[in-house]
Amino acid sequence: MELTQLLNSVHAIQVTGEVQRKDVSGIYYDSRRVKTNAIFVAIKGFSSDGHKFITEAINNGAIAVVIEDNNAIPENYFHLKKIGRILVSNSRVALAELSNAFYKEAPSHLFSYAITGTNGKTTTTYLLKNILEKTGKKTGLIGTIANIIGDKIVESSMTTPESSDLHELFFTMIAEQCTSVVMEISSHSLELERVYGIPFNVAIFSNITSDHLDFHSNFENYLKAKKKLFDGLSANAFAVINCDDDHYRDLVTDCKAKIITYGKNEKADFRISNITFNLSGTNFLLKNDGKEYLMKTPLIGEFNAYNAASAFVATFVSSISVENILEGIETIPLVPGRFEIVSGKTKKAVIDYSHTADSLEKAIINLRKVMSAENKLVTVFGCGGNRDVTKRPEMGRIATELSDTVIITNDNPRNENPAAIIADIEKGITKNNYEIILDREAAIKKAIMESDTSSVVLIAGKGHENYQIINGVKHHFSDKEIAEKYLAGM
């Protein structure tokens, strides 16, 4: 697409410099990736400001630069270099607008499901994908574990990619003949406009508890970020809402979409009841409009009844047959790192991504419900460095109060002092049933090898992740691989 045509998609304050009549080769926010005839969009990131790399982008071949900082570089520099200078009020919005136009409005050609909430996003996307594929719909998935196009896995570095990467994924999905896409939508992506302008057909709200306060500063800002997804829905879309969550009304106050609720609440449009579960899976009833559906899933726990219910409702309102929905929920493979059971000859370990106070509490409570009375529960967990510190003492309290024994260890300390992280965790602990082993493999080894034969070991926090970041250095590390190693050793 020619530059002059592409710039019509952007709400620019001012266009100066020289706008060349050339076809644009790509849209980039990383100056290192810029190539000849590309557009560089200078965005302000967490650790650096793209405005500092404008000259590098131009030297690499950019023919136009989008900026929001009017004073970043003197205007005459763009005239001298014969480069277009596009001043906007928000570079991230401009990046989304340009990407949508460059990739031929790809998201509008896919039936899209968006899932947001503190917990349950990943599992729900996998449920939706399995349901849709039972109907023969080739489906893309964008999320924490991986981005998937049909059966092809694309490595994921963040829950929701930057808008240009996201629109490129949509474009590739269409080229691969996908008709639907399911997406995790993080609060970061909403606040940073990564999903700006995407016309979602169905949006799901799972729940909201305190998380990411290192980024959002307070819970109110976190809630406002989530709300942006529902504010942006059209009147033709559906908002599928967990009405058992205390904050659900706040999220849908300005929502134009048709609101459909689910939960145990008697007023829910789709009411959950009779939840039972064991180590083989979960059963429950879902009632709507005088009809009752028996739900069965190999996913374990009450929280997975909610995830399955939300997936049922989301696909039901988009005219998927009940038979296909029930089959998709019943046949879903276990989701990596989500209450994933690893078995040895005499002992079991559960790998779970629970890295918030609420998810850790739910994981332990649900695990207790499927354990025998004589079983002891050993919990291994830590908290991430350079992240929300407010949840650390609460997680320490929950782990020690609900477990028989706790080993506190490193999660991803990143660039933070591990001892300082653990000191924060200890602030919430009043019991004396824990020990500290910084080395995560040593902690898992002790939990498995030295606990009673009948014990169950919960390894929480990292889930599917296959790395650990210590002192800013990324190393290969998999909780599942380590658990399998020592369970086999027994």
Protein backbone atom coordinates (compact mmCIF):
# COMPACT_ATOMS: atom_id res chain seq x y z
CA MET A 1 0.00 0.00 0.00
CA GLU A 2 1.29 3.44 -0.90
CA LEU A 3 2.41 5.70 1.96
CA THR A 4 0.01 8.53 1.07
CA GLN A 5 -2.92 6.11 1.15
CA LEU A 6 -1.79 4.45 4.36
CA LEU A 7 -1.52 7.76 6.19
CA ASN A 8 -5.26 8.31 5.66
CA SER A 9 -5.87 5.66 8.34
CA VAL A 10 -4.09 7.70 11.03
CA HIS A 11 -5.59 10.54 13.06
CA ALA A 12 -2.60 12.84 12.63
CA ILE A 13 -2.14 16.24 14.24
CA GLN A 14 0.40 17.30 11.65
CA VAL A 15 2.18 15.82 8.63
CA THR A 16 5.43 17.50 7.60
CA GLY A 17 8.71 16.55 5.96
CA GLU A 18 8.43 14.77 2.62
CA VAL A 19 5.74 12.16 2.06
CA GLN A 20 7.03 9.99 -0.77
CA ARG A 21 4.68 8.18 -3.13
CA LYS A 22 6.15 4.76 -2.48
CA ASP A 23 4.72 1.42 -1.36
CA VAL A 24 5.33 0.78 2.33
CA SER A 25 7.27 -2.39 3.10
CA GLY A 26 6.28 -2.75 6.77
CA ILE A 27 5.23 -1.10 10.03
CA TYR A 28 7.77 -1.29 12.88
CA TYR A 29 8.14 -0.03 16.45
CA ASP A 30 11.64 -1.55 16.82
CA SER A 31 14.22 0.52 14.90
CA ARG A 32 16.45 -2.54 14.50
CA ARG A 33 13.82 -4.28 12.38
CA VAL A 34 13.20 -1.33 10.07
CA LYS A 35 13.96 -1.95 6.40
CA THR A 36 13.85 0.11 3.22
CA ASN A 37 10.55 1.98 2.70
CA ALA A 38 9.15 1.02 6.11
CA ILE A 39 7.27 3.21 8.59
CA PHE A 40 8.80 3.56 12.06
CA VAL A 41 6.41 4.30 14.92
CA ALA A 42 8.17 5.73 17.97
CA ILE A 43 6.43 4.44 21.09
CA LYS A 44 7.37 4.93 24.71
CA GLY A 45 8.17 1.51 26.21
CA PHE A 46 8.83 0.27 29.74
CA SER A 47 12.60 0.64 29.62
CA SER A 48 13.26 2.84 26.58
CA ASP A 49 11.65 5.52 24.43
CA GLY A 50 11.38 4.84 20.71
CA HIS A 51 11.86 8.54 20.01
CA LYS A 52 15.54 8.05 20.89
CA PHE A 53 15.97 5.69 17.95
CA ILE A 54 14.45 7.76 15.16
CA THR A 55 17.78 8.44 13.47
CA GLU A 56 18.64 4.73 13.55
CA ALA A 57 15.28 3.90 11.94
CA ILE A 58 15.89 6.47 9.20
CA ASN A 59 19.39 5.16 8.59
CA ASN A 60 17.89 1.67 8.22
CA GLY A 61 15.57 2.86 5.45
CA ALA A 62 12.40 4.31 7.01
CA ILE A 63 10.50 6.64 4.69
CA ALA A 64 8.18 7.95 7.41
CA VAL A 65 8.29 8.28 11.18
CA VAL A 66 5.31 8.55 13.53
CA ILE A 67 5.95 10.50 16.74
CA GLU A 68 3.98 11.81 19.71
CA ASP A 69 6.83 13.88 21.15
CA ASN A 70 6.89 17.06 19.08
CA ASN A 71 10.34 17.98 20.43
CA ALA A 72 12.07 14.63 19.86
CA ILE A 73 14.04 15.77 16.77
CA PRO A 74 14.04 19.15 14.98
CA GLU A 75 11.52 19.26 12.17
CA ASN A 76 14.09 20.41 9.58
CA TYR A 77 15.97 17.08 10.03
CA PHE A 78 13.05 15.28 8.34
CA HIS A 79 13.08 17.78 5.46
CA LEU A 80 16.81 17.27 4.98
CA LYS A 81 16.42 13.49 4.96
CA LYS A 82 13.28 13.69 2.76
CA ILE A 83 11.38 11.67 5.36
CA GLY A 84 7.72 12.00 6.31
CA ARG A 85 7.09 13.20 9.88
CA ILE A 86 3.68 12.31 11.29
CA LEU A 87 2.81 13.89 14.63
CA VAL A 88 0.04 12.13 16.58
CA SER A 89 -1.42 12.39 20.07
CA ASN A 90 -0.84 8.70 20.84
CA SER A 91 1.78 6.66 18.98
CA ARG A 92 0.35 3.35 20.20
CA VAL A 93 -3.07 4.16 18.75
CA ALA A 94 -1.39 5.20 15.50
CA LEU A 95 0.56 1.92 15.43
CA ALA A 96 -2.73 0.01 15.72
CA GLU A 97 -4.42 2.15 13.03
CA LEU A 98 -1.54 1.80 10.57
CA SER A 99 -1.19 -1.94 11.21
CA ASN A 100 -4.90 -2.53 10.64
CA ALA A 101 -4.75 -0.71 7.29
CA PHE A 102 -1.44 -2.26 6.20
CA TYR A 103 -2.66 -5.80 6.93
CA LYS A 104 -5.92 -5.17 5.04
CA GLU A 105 -8.19 -4.99 8.11
CA ALA A 106 -7.47 -8.64 8.83
CA PRO A 107 -9.29 -8.88 12.21
CA SER A 108 -12.61 -7.91 10.59
CA HIS A 109 -12.37 -11.09 8.48
CA LEU A 110 -12.11 -13.40 11.52
CA PHE A 111 -14.81 -14.27 14.06
CA SER A 112 -13.01 -13.25 17.24
CA TYR A 113 -13.29 -14.23 20.89
CA ALA A 114 -11.51 -12.16 23.54
CA ILE A 115 -10.96 -13.36 27.11
CA THR A 116 -9.87 -11.09 29.93
CA GLY A 117 -9.63 -11.52 33.70
CA THR A 118 -7.00 -12.21 36.32
CA ASN A 119 -7.27 -16.00 36.09
CA GLY A 120 -8.59 -18.55 33.60
CA LYS A 121 -7.72 -16.80 30.33
CA THR A 122 -5.37 -19.46 28.97
CA THR A 123 -7.58 -22.44 29.79
CA THR A 124 -10.62 -20.73 28.30
CA THR A 125 -8.85 -20.02 25.02
CA TYR A 126 -7.90 -23.70 24.73
CA LEU A 127 -11.48 -24.72 25.48
CA LEU A 128 -12.81 -22.36 22.81
CA LYS A 129 -10.30 -23.53 20.22
CA ASN A 130 -11.17 -27.17 20.83
CA ILE A 131 -14.90 -26.46 20.56
CA LEU A 132 -14.54 -24.47 17.34
CA GLU A 133 -12.36 -27.12 15.74
CA LYS A 134 -15.00 -29.77 16.50
CA THR A 135 -17.21 -27.82 14.09
CA GLY A 136 -14.52 -27.82 11.41
CA LYS A 137 -13.54 -24.18 11.91
CA LYS A 138 -9.79 -23.69 11.56
CA THR A 139 -8.91 -21.48 14.50
CA GLY A 140 -6.02 -19.30 15.59
CA LEU A 141 -5.04 -18.80 19.23
CA ILE A 142 -3.10 -15.92 20.77
CA GLY A 143 -2.01 -16.22 24.36
CA THR A 144 0.45 -16.75 27.18
CA ILE A 145 1.71 -20.23 26.33
CA ALA A 146 1.94 -19.88 22.56
CA ASN A 147 0.37 -18.40 19.47
CA ILE A 148 -1.21 -21.13 17.37
CA ILE A 149 -2.36 -21.01 13.76
CA GLY A 150 -4.38 -24.17 13.20
CA ASP A 151 -1.85 -26.80 14.33
CA LYS A 152 1.23 -24.61 13.84
CA ILE A 153 2.76 -23.26 17.05
CA VAL A 154 4.42 -19.84 17.07
CA GLU A 155 6.45 -18.99 20.16
CA SER A 156 4.82 -16.35 22.37
CA SER A 157 6.80 -13.77 24.35
CA MET A 158 3.86 -11.90 25.85
CA THR A 159 0.19 -12.61 26.52
CA THR A 160 -0.97 -10.07 23.94
CA PRO A 161 1.56 -8.93 21.30
CA GLU A 162 2.10 -5.32 20.22
CA SER A 163 -0.53 -4.23 17.71
CA SER A 164 1.66 -4.50 14.59
CA ASP A 165 2.70 -8.06 15.50
CA LEU A 166 -0.90 -8.85 16.35
CA HIS A 167 -2.29 -7.67 13.01
CA GLU A 168 0.45 -9.57 11.19
CA LEU A 169 -0.67 -12.71 13.06
CA PHE A 170 -4.28 -12.10 12.00
CA PHE A 171 -3.15 -11.64 8.40
CA THR A 172 -1.19 -14.91 8.53
CA MET A 173 -4.18 -16.72 10.04
CA ILE A 174 -6.36 -15.64 7.12
CA ALA A 175 -3.69 -16.74 4.65
CA GLU A 176 -3.70 -20.12 6.43
CA GLN A 177 -7.51 -20.23 6.00
CA CYS A 178 -8.47 -19.69 9.64
CA THR A 179 -12.01 -18.40 10.12
CA SER A 180 -11.89 -17.78 13.88
CA VAL A 181 -9.44 -16.55 16.48
CA VAL A 182 -9.43 -16.80 20.28
CA MET A 183 -7.32 -14.36 22.28
CA GLU A 184 -6.17 -13.70 25.79
CA ILE A 185 -6.42 -9.99 26.48
CA SER A 186 -4.13 -8.75 29.24
CA SER A 187 -4.67 -5.56 31.21
CA HIS A 188 -1.30 -4.33 29.90
CA SER A 189 -2.45 -4.72 26.31
CA LEU A 190 -5.65 -2.80 26.98
CA GLU A 191 -3.86 0.03 28.74
CA LEU A 192 -1.20 0.16 26.03
CA GLU A 193 -3.72 0.11 23.14
CA ARG A 194 -2.43 -3.12 21.63
CA VAL A 195 -5.95 -4.24 20.76
CA TYR A 196 -7.22 -0.78 19.84
CA GLY A 197 -9.95 -0.87 17.20
CA ILE A 198 -10.25 -4.66 16.93
CA PRO A 199 -13.95 -5.52 16.37
CA PHE A 200 -14.32 -8.44 18.78
CA ASN A 201 -17.46 -10.51 18.30
CA VAL A 202 -17.51 -12.06 21.78
CA ALA A 203 -15.68 -10.90 24.91
CA ILE A 204 -15.48 -12.98 28.10
CA PHE A 205 -14.82 -11.73 31.62
CA SER A 206 -13.57 -14.49 33.96
CA ASN A 207 -12.80 -12.69 37.25
CA ILE A 208 -10.68 -9.95 38.72
CA THR A 209 -8.45 -9.96 41.78
CA SER A 210 -5.43 -7.90 42.74
CA ASP A 211 -2.58 -8.31 40.26
CA HIS A 212 -0.14 -6.25 38.18
CA LEU A 213 -0.25 -3.36 40.63
CA ASP A 214 3.42 -2.73 39.82
CA PHE A 215 2.13 -1.51 36.45
CA HIS A 216 -1.34 -0.15 37.24
CA SER A 217 -0.44 1.41 40.64
CA ASN A 218 -3.80 0.52 42.21
CA PHE A 219 -6.75 -1.83 41.80
CA GLU A 220 -9.01 0.91 40.38
CA ASN A 221 -6.65 1.47 37.45
CA TYR A 222 -6.40 -2.30 36.91
CA LEU A 223 -10.20 -2.51 36.76
CA LYS A 224 -10.41 0.46 34.37
CA ALA A 225 -7.94 -1.23 32.03
CA LYS A 226 -10.08 -4.39 31.90
CA LYS A 227 -13.19 -2.27 31.36
CA LYS A 228 -11.78 -0.85 28.12
CA LEU A 229 -12.39 -4.18 26.39
CA PHE A 230 -16.13 -4.05 27.10
CA ASP A 231 -16.42 -0.32 26.43
CA GLY A 232 -15.12 -0.99 22.92
CA LEU A 233 -17.65 -3.68 21.96
CA SER A 234 -20.28 -2.87 19.34
CA ALA A 235 -24.02 -3.37 19.74
CA ASN A 236 -23.73 -6.51 17.58
CA ALA A 237 -21.23 -8.17 19.92
CA PHE A 238 -21.74 -10.28 23.06
CA ALA A 239 -20.24 -9.73 26.51
CA VAL A 240 -20.09 -13.01 28.46
CA ILE A 241 -19.74 -12.06 32.13
CA ASN A 242 -19.06 -13.97 35.36
CA CYS A 243 -21.75 -12.42 37.56
CA ASP A 244 -20.37 -14.13 40.69
CA ASP A 245 -17.51 -11.63 40.63
CA ASP A 246 -18.22 -8.58 42.78
CA HIS A 247 -16.89 -6.18 40.15
CA TYR A 248 -18.78 -7.35 37.11
CA ARG A 249 -21.25 -4.45 37.10
CA ASP A 250 -18.40 -1.94 37.05
CA LEU A 251 -17.02 -3.54 33.89
CA VAL A 252 -20.23 -3.43 31.86
CA THR A 253 -21.53 0.00 32.91
CA ASP A 254 -20.90 1.53 29.46
CA CYS A 255 -21.01 -1.68 27.42
CA LYS A 256 -23.11 -1.49 24.23
CA ALA A 257 -22.96 -5.24 23.54
CA LYS A 258 -25.58 -7.76 24.58
CA ILE A 259 -24.64 -8.89 28.10
CA ILE A 260 -24.98 -12.59 28.95
CA THR A 261 -24.11 -13.70 32.48
CA TYR A 262 -22.94 -17.01 33.92
CA GLY A 263 -22.22 -18.20 37.46
CA LYS A 264 -23.81 -19.79 40.53
CA ASN A 265 -25.87 -16.66 41.08
CA GLU A 266 -29.61 -17.41 40.80
CA LYS A 267 -30.00 -14.46 38.44
CA ALA A 268 -27.33 -15.71 36.03
CA ASP A 269 -28.53 -16.32 32.46
CA PHE A 270 -26.52 -19.55 32.51
CA ARG A 271 -26.50 -20.94 36.03
CA ILE A 272 -23.77 -23.29 37.28
CA SER A 273 -24.72 -25.92 39.87
CA ASN A 274 -23.85 -29.37 41.20
CA ILE A 275 -20.08 -29.08 40.69
CA THR A 276 -18.19 -32.28 41.49
CA PHE A 277 -14.60 -33.11 40.65
CA ASN A 278 -11.80 -35.58 41.29
CA LEU A 279 -8.41 -36.31 39.77
CA SER A 280 -10.15 -37.54 36.60
CA GLY A 281 -12.03 -34.34 35.86
CA THR A 282 -15.02 -32.14 36.66
CA ASN A 283 -18.77 -32.50 36.18
CA PHE A 284 -21.47 -29.86 36.67
CA LEU A 285 -24.86 -28.70 35.46
CA LEU A 286 -25.46 -25.58 33.38
CA LYS A 287 -29.04 -24.30 33.21
CA ASN A 288 -30.45 -21.79 30.75
CA ASP A 289 -33.96 -20.87 29.69
CA GLY A 290 -35.50 -24.02 31.16
CA LYS A 291 -32.88 -26.34 29.65
CA GLU A 292 -30.23 -28.23 31.59
CA TYR A 293 -26.87 -29.34 30.21
CA LEU A 294 -24.64 -31.93 31.87
CA MET A 295 -21.07 -30.72 31.49
CA LYS A 296 -18.06 -33.02 31.66
CA THR A 297 -14.42 -32.03 31.30
CA PRO A 298 -11.06 -33.63 32.11
CA LEU A 299 -9.99 -30.27 33.58
CA ILE A 300 -9.95 -30.41 37.37
CA GLY A 301 -11.46 -28.04 39.91
CA GLU A 302 -14.32 -25.64 40.53
CA PHE A 303 -12.50 -22.84 38.71
CA ASN A 304 -12.45 -25.03 35.61
CA ALA A 305 -16.23 -25.40 35.83
CA TYR A 306 -16.35 -21.61 35.45
CA ASN A 307 -13.89 -21.70 32.55
CA ALA A 308 -15.90 -24.41 30.80
CA ALA A 309 -19.16 -22.55 31.43
CA SER A 310 -17.79 -19.34 29.92
CA ALA A 311 -16.61 -21.24 26.83
CA PHE A 312 -20.03 -22.90 26.52
CA VAL A 313 -21.84 -19.55 26.68
CA ALA A 314 -19.46 -17.79 24.28
CA THR A 315 -19.85 -20.44 21.61
CA PHE A 316 -23.58 -20.94 22.28
CA VAL A 317 -24.34 -17.26 21.55
CA SER A 318 -22.29 -17.51 18.34
CA SER A 319 -24.55 -20.30 17.07
CA ILE A 320 -22.30 -23.31 17.61
CA SER A 321 -24.35 -26.47 18.16
CA VAL A 322 -24.69 -27.75 21.72
CA GLU A 323 -23.41 -31.15 20.60
CA ASN A 324 -20.17 -29.65 19.31
CA ILE A 325 -19.77 -27.49 22.42
CA LEU A 326 -20.21 -30.42 24.81
CA GLU A 327 -17.83 -32.58 22.76
CA GLY A 328 -15.20 -29.82 22.69
CA ILE A 329 -15.36 -29.34 26.45
CA GLU A 330 -15.29 -33.08 27.15
CA THR A 331 -12.34 -33.84 24.86
CA ILE A 332 -10.02 -30.94 25.64
CA PRO A 333 -6.45 -32.07 26.38
CA LEU A 334 -4.94 -30.91 29.67
CA VAL A 335 -3.61 -27.38 29.29
CA PRO A 336 0.18 -27.17 29.92
CA GLY A 337 0.95 -25.90 33.41
CA ARG A 338 -2.68 -25.43 34.40
CA PHE A 339 -3.39 -27.83 37.27
CA GLU A 340 -1.35 -30.37 35.33
CA ILE A 341 -0.83 -33.67 37.15
CA VAL A 342 2.52 -35.47 36.95
CA SER A 343 2.45 -38.98 38.41
CA GLY A 344 5.16 -41.18 39.86
CA LYS A 345 4.77 -44.74 41.15
CA THR A 346 3.78 -43.66 44.63
CA LYS A 347 3.31 -39.91 44.51
CA LYS A 348 1.76 -37.13 42.44
CA ALA A 349 2.83 -33.56 41.75
CA VAL A 350 0.60 -30.82 40.39
CA ILE A 351 2.13 -28.11 38.19
CA ASP A 352 0.11 -24.91 38.24
CA TYR A 353 0.58 -21.36 36.98
CA SER A 354 -1.04 -19.91 40.11
CA HIS A 355 1.01 -16.76 40.65
CA THR A 356 -1.57 -14.53 42.35
CA ALA A 357 -3.02 -14.82 45.85
CA ASP A 358 -6.46 -15.74 44.50
CA SER A 359 -5.24 -18.38 42.05
CA LEU A 360 -2.93 -19.95 44.65
CA GLU A 361 -5.77 -20.15 47.15
CA LYS A 362 -8.09 -21.72 44.60
CA ALA A 363 -5.44 -24.23 43.51
CA ILE A 364 -4.81 -25.37 47.10
CA ILE A 365 -8.50 -25.51 48.06
CA ASN A 366 -9.41 -27.49 44.95
CA LEU A 367 -6.47 -29.83 45.44
CA ARG A 368 -7.52 -30.43 49.05
CA LYS A 369 -10.97 -31.44 47.84
CA VAL A 370 -9.62 -34.25 45.66
CA MET A 371 -7.03 -35.50 48.15
CA SER A 372 -7.70 -38.20 50.72
CA ALA A 373 -7.83 -37.15 54.36
CA GLU A 374 -4.56 -38.92 55.11
CA ASN A 375 -2.67 -37.15 52.31
CA LYS A 376 -0.30 -34.34 53.22
CA LEU A 377 -0.02 -31.32 50.95
CA VAL A 378 3.42 -29.86 50.29
CA THR A 379 3.42 -26.54 48.43
CA VAL A 380 6.47 -25.17 46.62
CA PHE A 381 6.19 -21.58 45.45
CA GLY A 382 7.88 -18.19 45.12
CA CYS A 383 7.02 -14.75 43.74
CA GLY A 384 8.36 -13.01 40.65
CA GLY A 385 10.87 -10.21 40.95
CA ASN A 386 10.24 -6.69 39.61
CA ARG A 387 6.51 -7.33 39.81
CA ASP A 388 3.60 -6.51 42.13
CA VAL A 389 4.96 -6.70 45.69
CA THR A 390 1.57 -6.35 47.40
CA LYS A 391 0.58 -9.95 46.69
CA ARG A 392 3.71 -11.48 48.27
CA PRO A 393 2.72 -11.50 51.98
CA GLU A 394 -0.81 -12.61 51.09
CA MET A 395 0.55 -15.55 49.09
CA GLY A 396 2.80 -16.45 52.01
CA ARG A 397 -0.17 -16.43 54.38
CA ILE A 398 -2.37 -18.51 52.05
CA ALA A 399 0.31 -21.11 51.32
CA THR A 400 1.22 -21.71 54.96
CA GLU A 401 -2.33 -21.65 56.31
CA LEU A 402 -3.75 -24.05 53.71
CA SER A 403 -0.78 -26.43 53.23
CA ASP A 404 0.78 -28.93 55.64
CA THR A 405 4.29 -27.93 54.61
CA VAL A 406 5.61 -25.10 52.44
CA ILE A 407 8.93 -24.60 50.71
CA ILE A 408 9.49 -21.00 49.61
CA THR A 409 11.85 -20.71 46.69
CA ASN A 410 12.81 -18.60 43.69
CA ASP A 411 10.26 -18.02 40.96
CA ASN A 412 11.74 -15.59 38.43
CA PRO A 413 13.63 -13.11 40.63
CA ARG A 414 14.68 -11.27 37.46
CA ASN A 415 16.82 -8.33 38.60
CA GLU A 416 15.58 -8.27 42.18
CA ASN A 417 17.36 -9.67 45.23
CA PRO A 418 15.77 -13.11 45.92
CA ALA A 419 16.21 -12.65 49.66
CA ALA A 420 14.22 -9.40 49.52
CA ILE A 421 11.38 -11.14 47.67
CA ILE A 422 11.21 -13.90 50.27
CA ALA A 423 11.37 -11.37 53.10
CA ASP A 424 8.21 -9.79 51.62
CA ILE A 425 6.53 -13.21 51.47
CA GLU A 426 7.42 -13.89 55.11
CA LYS A 427 5.65 -10.72 56.25
CA GLY A 428 2.31 -12.48 55.84
CA ILE A 429 3.26 -15.74 57.56
CA THR A 430 2.29 -16.55 61.14
CA LYS A 431 2.81 -20.33 61.12
CA ASN A 432 6.07 -22.24 61.47
CA ASN A 433 5.48 -24.86 58.79
CA TYR A 434 7.79 -23.57 56.08
CA GLU A 435 11.40 -23.45 55.05
CA ILE A 436 13.37 -21.46 52.48
CA ILE A 437 15.38 -23.11 49.71
CA LEU A 438 16.39 -20.55 47.11
CA ASP A 439 17.45 -23.09 44.48
CA ARG A 440 14.15 -24.08 42.82
CA GLU A 441 15.30 -27.51 41.68
CA ALA A 442 16.57 -28.30 45.17
CA ALA A 443 13.24 -27.14 46.60
CA ILE A 444 11.24 -29.38 44.24
CA LYS A 445 13.60 -32.29 44.88
CA LYS A 446 13.15 -32.04 48.65
CA ALA A 447 9.37 -31.69 48.37
CA ILE A 448 9.15 -34.86 46.29
CA MET A 449 11.91 -37.01 47.75
CA GLU A 450 11.55 -36.22 51.45
CA SER A 451 7.79 -35.92 51.93
CA ASP A 452 5.60 -38.80 53.06
CA THR A 453 4.77 -41.43 50.45
CA SER A 454 1.11 -40.37 50.44
CA SER A 455 1.91 -36.67 50.04
CA VAL A 456 0.80 -34.55 47.10
CA VAL A 457 3.19 -31.82 45.95
CA LEU A 458 1.87 -28.57 44.48
CA ILE A 459 4.50 -26.70 42.46
CA ALA A 460 3.03 -23.26 41.90
CA GLY A 461 3.85 -20.10 40.02
CA LYS A 462 5.61 -20.96 36.77
CA GLY A 463 3.29 -23.48 35.16
CA HIS A 464 4.13 -23.94 31.47
CA GLU A 465 7.22 -21.70 31.56
CA ASN A 466 10.44 -23.43 30.54
CA TYR A 467 12.84 -20.81 31.83
CA GLN A 468 13.97 -19.00 34.94
CA ILE A 469 15.38 -15.45 35.05
CA ILE A 470 18.00 -14.83 37.74
CA ASN A 471 20.10 -11.65 37.83
CA GLY A 472 18.61 -10.73 34.46
CA VAL A 473 19.92 -13.93 32.83
CA LYS A 474 17.45 -16.40 31.32
CA HIS A 475 18.13 -20.12 31.94
CA HIS A 476 16.22 -23.19 30.82
CA PHE A 477 14.05 -24.45 33.67
CA SER A 478 10.84 -26.47 33.63
CA ASP A 479 8.90 -27.35 36.79
CA LYS A 480 7.37 -30.30 34.96
CA GLU A 481 10.72 -31.69 33.80
CA ILE A 482 12.19 -31.39 37.30
CA ALA A 483 9.13 -33.00 38.88
CA GLU A 484 9.24 -35.89 36.41
CA LYS A 485 12.94 -36.37 37.09
CA TYR A 486 12.54 -36.84 40.83
CA LEU A 487 9.23 -38.71 40.68
CA ALA A 488 10.93 -41.22 38.38
CA GLY A 489 13.88 -41.36 40.79
CA MET A 490 11.60 -42.58 43.55
